[in-house]
């Protein structure tokens, strides 16, 4: 499983939380996490030892340690933050992030993928995450033209954070509802990756709006982190490298809800 590489100084608890796979794509990373209680999986193929060691030591820091936007991002990187409360602010923020990424030199096709992912994730945070007093999605039955007119209720706005250290850029989208769970994330990514492998549309039979955003984000990222705090926060962080954007090689799903094994 480790592809001949050691986990070095990781403690036993971290060994069980981090999987090293010699050569895995999105489906391989997702399947590995579905079959274990591990919180993260890394594809080690062509991954420099220095980067792997940093990921091992910093990806799964204890909850008591303050986490930066991305564990490998330089502490000196300037962090930008934007609150999003309605559809118009969503559009402006998506454009802002895309222009920022382009100004850093990210190739155009990766800028477009990033833009699409941020747009979908903001739609999820604004319109799929909020719940009614009964716990059902508040805006599920509302048509898109009606959603355009909505203003987020107090505590239900979305947040976008982004930063770059000149080597990589990282962007996160978060909400304060904390509805997304590990099993939902992994099941949808596995379903989409399997459909793509069969040359089918990964999103044509989506069961919810959230799935589109998750899949497009996975396609735009080199390293993808989910920080899921039940009833409190959902944060999705993705990283891409500026010099040579790479396909997904790190998938982390850190959920504080009780672990539920995948159904057979």
Protein backbone atom coordinates (compact mmCIF):
# COMPACT_ATOMS: atom_id res chain seq x y z
CA UNK A 1 0.00 0.00 0.00
CA UNK A 2 2.85 2.36 0.67
CA UNK A 3 4.63 1.71 -2.63
CA UNK A 4 7.92 1.11 -0.81
CA UNK A 5 7.89 4.44 1.01
CA UNK A 6 7.93 4.74 4.76
CA UNK A 7 5.55 6.80 6.84
CA UNK A 8 8.62 8.01 8.73
CA UNK A 9 7.82 9.90 11.90
CA UNK A 10 4.06 9.50 11.80
CA UNK A 11 2.50 8.17 14.99
CA UNK A 12 0.45 4.94 14.94
CA UNK A 13 -2.83 6.90 14.96
CA UNK A 14 -1.73 8.84 11.89
CA UNK A 15 -0.62 5.65 10.14
CA UNK A 16 -4.20 4.45 10.32
CA UNK A 17 -5.48 7.80 9.06
CA UNK A 18 -3.27 8.17 5.98
CA UNK A 19 -3.05 5.77 3.04
CA UNK A 20 -0.10 5.82 0.63
CA UNK A 21 -0.93 4.36 -2.77
CA UNK A 22 1.78 3.75 -5.39
CA UNK A 23 -0.31 4.95 -8.34
CA UNK A 24 -3.93 5.98 -7.94
CA UNK A 25 -6.37 8.19 -9.81
CA UNK A 26 -9.58 9.70 -8.44
CA UNK A 27 -11.33 6.32 -8.42
CA UNK A 28 -8.39 4.61 -6.73
CA UNK A 29 -8.13 7.26 -4.03
CA UNK A 30 -11.87 7.22 -3.42
CA UNK A 31 -12.18 3.43 -3.31
CA UNK A 32 -9.30 3.17 -0.86
CA UNK A 33 -10.99 5.62 1.51
CA UNK A 34 -14.35 3.90 1.16
CA UNK A 35 -12.78 0.64 2.32
CA UNK A 36 -11.13 2.06 5.43
CA UNK A 37 -11.49 4.58 8.24
CA UNK A 38 -8.51 6.55 6.91
CA UNK A 39 -9.02 10.29 6.54
CA UNK A 40 -6.68 10.81 3.59
CA UNK A 41 -5.11 8.98 0.65
CA UNK A 42 -2.05 10.02 -1.36
CA UNK A 43 -0.97 8.78 -4.77
CA UNK A 44 2.82 8.65 -4.42
CA UNK A 45 3.64 8.23 -8.12
CA UNK A 46 6.12 10.93 -9.22
CA UNK A 47 5.63 12.71 -5.91
CA UNK A 48 8.91 14.20 -4.66
CA UNK A 49 10.06 12.84 -1.30
CA UNK A 50 10.15 16.35 0.17
CA UNK A 51 6.51 17.00 -0.74
CA UNK A 52 5.43 13.57 0.48
CA UNK A 53 7.17 14.07 3.82
CA UNK A 54 5.51 17.47 4.27
CA UNK A 55 2.11 16.01 3.49
CA UNK A 56 2.65 13.14 5.90
CA UNK A 57 3.58 15.44 8.75
CA UNK A 58 1.11 18.26 8.12
CA UNK A 59 -1.95 16.89 6.33
CA UNK A 60 -3.53 15.34 9.42
CA UNK A 61 -2.55 17.68 12.20
CA UNK A 62 -4.45 17.23 15.48
CA UNK A 63 -7.65 19.23 15.75
CA UNK A 64 -6.06 21.35 18.46
CA UNK A 65 -3.51 22.69 15.95
CA UNK A 66 -4.67 25.69 13.97
CA UNK A 67 -4.82 24.71 10.34
CA UNK A 68 -3.93 27.08 7.54
CA UNK A 69 -5.90 27.25 4.33
CA UNK A 70 -3.73 24.42 2.95
CA UNK A 71 -1.11 22.46 4.91
CA UNK A 72 1.68 23.05 2.38
CA UNK A 73 0.94 26.70 1.75
CA UNK A 74 3.65 29.06 2.97
CA UNK A 75 2.66 30.94 6.16
CA UNK A 76 3.75 34.12 4.37
CA UNK A 77 1.18 33.69 1.61
CA UNK A 78 -1.31 36.57 1.56
CA UNK A 79 -4.81 35.33 2.29
CA UNK A 80 -7.86 36.84 0.59
CA UNK A 81 -11.35 36.30 1.96
CA UNK A 82 -14.75 37.09 0.48
CA UNK A 83 -18.23 36.67 1.95
CA UNK A 84 -20.95 35.72 -0.53
CA UNK A 85 -24.59 36.38 0.33
CA UNK A 86 -26.46 36.25 -2.99
CA UNK A 87 -26.27 35.25 -6.64
CA UNK A 88 -24.79 38.54 -7.81
CA UNK A 89 -21.98 38.35 -5.24
CA UNK A 90 -21.38 34.75 -6.31
CA UNK A 91 -20.81 35.83 -9.91
CA UNK A 92 -18.47 38.65 -8.88
CA UNK A 93 -16.47 36.37 -6.59
CA UNK A 94 -16.08 33.67 -9.23
CA UNK A 95 -14.74 36.26 -11.66
CA UNK A 96 -12.42 37.66 -9.00
CA UNK A 97 -10.90 34.24 -8.25
CA UNK A 98 -10.51 33.42 -11.95
CA UNK A 99 -8.80 36.75 -12.69
CA UNK A 100 -6.50 36.23 -9.70
CA UNK A 101 -5.52 32.72 -10.83
CA UNK A 102 -4.89 33.95 -14.37
CA UNK A 103 -2.70 36.79 -13.08
CA UNK A 104 -0.54 34.20 -11.30
CA UNK A 105 0.08 32.37 -14.57
CA UNK A 106 -2.21 29.38 -14.17
CA UNK A 107 -2.84 27.96 -17.69
CA UNK A 108 -6.13 29.06 -19.24
CA UNK A 109 -7.79 25.64 -19.29
CA UNK A 110 -7.06 25.20 -15.59
CA UNK A 111 -8.39 28.68 -14.87
CA UNK A 112 -11.65 27.71 -16.57
CA UNK A 113 -11.85 24.49 -14.55
CA UNK A 114 -11.18 26.42 -11.36
CA UNK A 115 -13.83 28.99 -12.25
CA UNK A 116 -16.42 26.30 -12.89
CA UNK A 117 -15.61 24.50 -9.65
CA UNK A 118 -15.87 27.65 -7.52
CA UNK A 119 -19.18 28.53 -9.17
CA UNK A 120 -20.68 25.10 -8.45
CA UNK A 121 -19.41 25.02 -4.87
CA UNK A 122 -20.86 28.45 -4.16
CA UNK A 123 -24.21 27.33 -5.56
CA UNK A 124 -24.06 24.34 -3.20
CA UNK A 125 -23.17 26.49 -0.19
CA UNK A 126 -25.86 29.11 -0.86
CA UNK A 127 -28.76 26.95 -2.04
CA UNK A 128 -28.17 23.28 -1.15
CA UNK A 129 -26.68 23.54 2.36
CA UNK A 130 -29.38 25.65 4.14
CA UNK A 131 -32.01 23.61 5.94
CA UNK A 132 -35.58 24.24 7.07
CA UNK A 133 -36.59 23.76 10.73
CA UNK A 134 -37.51 20.20 9.75
CA UNK A 135 -34.00 19.52 8.42
CA UNK A 136 -34.95 19.42 4.75
CA UNK A 137 -33.14 21.49 2.07
CA UNK A 138 -34.85 24.88 2.23
CA UNK A 139 -34.53 25.80 -1.44
CA UNK A 140 -34.79 22.37 -3.08
CA UNK A 141 -38.15 23.07 -4.72
CA UNK A 142 -37.23 26.58 -5.82
CA UNK A 143 -36.56 27.21 -9.51
CA UNK A 144 -33.19 28.75 -10.51
CA UNK A 145 -34.76 32.09 -11.55
CA UNK A 146 -36.25 32.39 -8.05
CA UNK A 147 -32.93 31.60 -6.37
CA UNK A 148 -31.30 34.51 -8.18
CA UNK A 149 -33.40 36.88 -6.08
CA UNK A 150 -32.55 35.32 -2.71
CA UNK A 151 -30.43 36.90 0.01
CA UNK A 152 -28.69 34.54 2.43
CA UNK A 153 -30.17 34.50 5.91
CA UNK A 154 -27.92 35.41 8.87
CA UNK A 155 -25.40 32.61 9.39
CA UNK A 156 -26.07 31.09 5.97
CA UNK A 157 -23.72 33.03 3.74
CA UNK A 158 -20.82 31.34 1.97
CA UNK A 159 -17.14 32.20 2.32
CA UNK A 160 -14.35 31.98 -0.23
CA UNK A 161 -10.70 32.07 0.86
CA UNK A 162 -7.76 31.95 -1.52
CA UNK A 163 -4.00 32.38 -1.39
CA UNK A 164 -0.82 31.54 -3.31
CA UNK A 165 2.84 31.25 -2.35
CA UNK A 166 4.09 31.41 -5.94
CA UNK A 167 4.37 27.62 -6.19
CA UNK A 168 0.78 26.60 -5.63
CA UNK A 169 -2.59 28.26 -5.28
CA UNK A 170 -5.28 27.17 -2.86
CA UNK A 171 -8.97 28.08 -2.83
CA UNK A 172 -11.64 27.10 -0.34
CA UNK A 173 -15.42 27.45 -0.29
CA UNK A 174 -17.22 27.01 3.01
CA UNK A 175 -20.61 27.31 4.66
CA UNK A 176 -21.69 27.28 8.30
CA UNK A 177 -24.34 24.58 8.04
CA UNK A 178 -22.13 21.47 8.19
CA UNK A 179 -24.53 19.18 6.33
CA UNK A 180 -22.10 17.34 4.03
CA UNK A 181 -20.84 13.95 5.25
CA UNK A 182 -17.90 11.72 4.34
CA UNK A 183 -20.05 8.95 2.87
CA UNK A 184 -21.84 11.39 0.57
CA UNK A 185 -18.56 12.83 -0.67
CA UNK A 186 -16.87 9.50 -1.36
CA UNK A 187 -19.94 7.79 -2.84
CA UNK A 188 -20.55 10.56 -5.33
CA UNK A 189 -16.89 10.87 -6.34
CA UNK A 190 -16.70 7.10 -6.85
CA UNK A 191 -19.87 7.12 -8.94
CA UNK A 192 -18.65 10.00 -11.10
CA UNK A 193 -15.19 8.52 -11.56
CA UNK A 194 -16.68 5.16 -12.56
CA UNK A 195 -18.97 6.83 -15.11
CA UNK A 196 -16.04 8.75 -16.56
CA UNK A 197 -14.04 5.53 -16.88
CA UNK A 198 -16.93 4.09 -18.89
CA UNK A 199 -16.96 7.18 -21.13
CA UNK A 200 -20.33 8.24 -19.74
CA UNK A 201 -21.27 11.68 -18.47
CA UNK A 202 -20.31 11.73 -14.78
CA UNK A 203 -23.03 14.26 -13.95
CA UNK A 204 -25.94 13.36 -16.21
CA UNK A 205 -27.70 11.30 -13.51
CA UNK A 206 -26.78 13.42 -10.51
CA UNK A 207 -29.02 13.01 -7.49
CA UNK A 208 -28.34 16.46 -6.06
CA UNK A 209 -26.74 19.74 -6.97
CA UNK A 210 -23.88 19.13 -4.55
CA UNK A 211 -22.53 16.25 -6.60
CA UNK A 212 -21.73 18.41 -9.60
CA UNK A 213 -19.60 20.75 -7.54
CA UNK A 214 -17.72 17.91 -5.84
CA UNK A 215 -16.83 16.22 -9.10
CA UNK A 216 -15.80 19.41 -10.92
CA UNK A 217 -13.66 20.38 -7.94
CA UNK A 218 -11.93 16.99 -7.98
CA UNK A 219 -11.19 17.46 -11.68
CA UNK A 220 -9.69 20.93 -11.06
CA UNK A 221 -7.53 19.99 -8.08
CA UNK A 222 -4.16 18.42 -7.49
CA UNK A 223 -4.84 18.16 -3.75
CA UNK A 224 -8.38 18.19 -2.40
CA UNK A 225 -9.37 18.49 1.25
CA UNK A 226 -12.79 18.25 2.86
CA UNK A 227 -13.12 19.59 6.41
CA UNK A 228 -16.55 18.51 7.62
CA UNK A 229 -17.82 19.63 11.02
CA UNK A 230 -21.32 18.32 11.67
CA UNK A 231 -23.83 21.13 12.13
CA UNK A 232 -21.05 23.70 12.18
CA UNK A 233 -19.01 23.97 8.97
CA UNK A 234 -18.33 22.44 5.58
CA UNK A 235 -15.09 23.57 3.96
CA UNK A 236 -13.75 22.28 0.66
CA UNK A 237 -10.15 23.23 -0.11
CA UNK A 238 -8.40 22.55 -3.37
CA UNK A 239 -4.86 23.22 -4.47
CA UNK A 240 -3.25 23.42 -7.89
CA UNK A 241 0.39 23.97 -8.87
CA UNK A 242 1.26 26.93 -11.06
CA UNK A 243 4.25 25.66 -13.04
CA UNK A 244 2.77 22.33 -14.11
CA UNK A 245 -0.79 21.63 -12.98
CA UNK A 246 -1.21 18.00 -12.01
CA UNK A 247 -4.19 15.65 -11.73
CA UNK A 248 -5.61 14.77 -8.33
CA UNK A 249 -3.04 13.05 -6.12
CA UNK A 250 -4.23 13.87 -2.58
CA UNK A 251 -7.76 13.30 -1.28
CA UNK A 252 -8.54 14.03 2.37
CA UNK A 253 -11.97 13.80 4.01
CA UNK A 254 -11.82 14.86 7.64
CA UNK A 255 -15.29 14.36 9.16
CA UNK A 256 -15.96 14.70 12.88
CA UNK A 257 -19.19 12.70 12.63
CA UNK A 258 -19.08 8.99 13.64
CA UNK A 259 -17.57 6.76 10.95
CA UNK A 260 -20.10 4.75 8.95
CA UNK A 261 -18.64 1.90 6.86
CA UNK A 262 -19.65 1.75 3.22
CA UNK A 263 -22.59 -0.56 2.54
CA UNK A 264 -21.77 -3.62 0.48
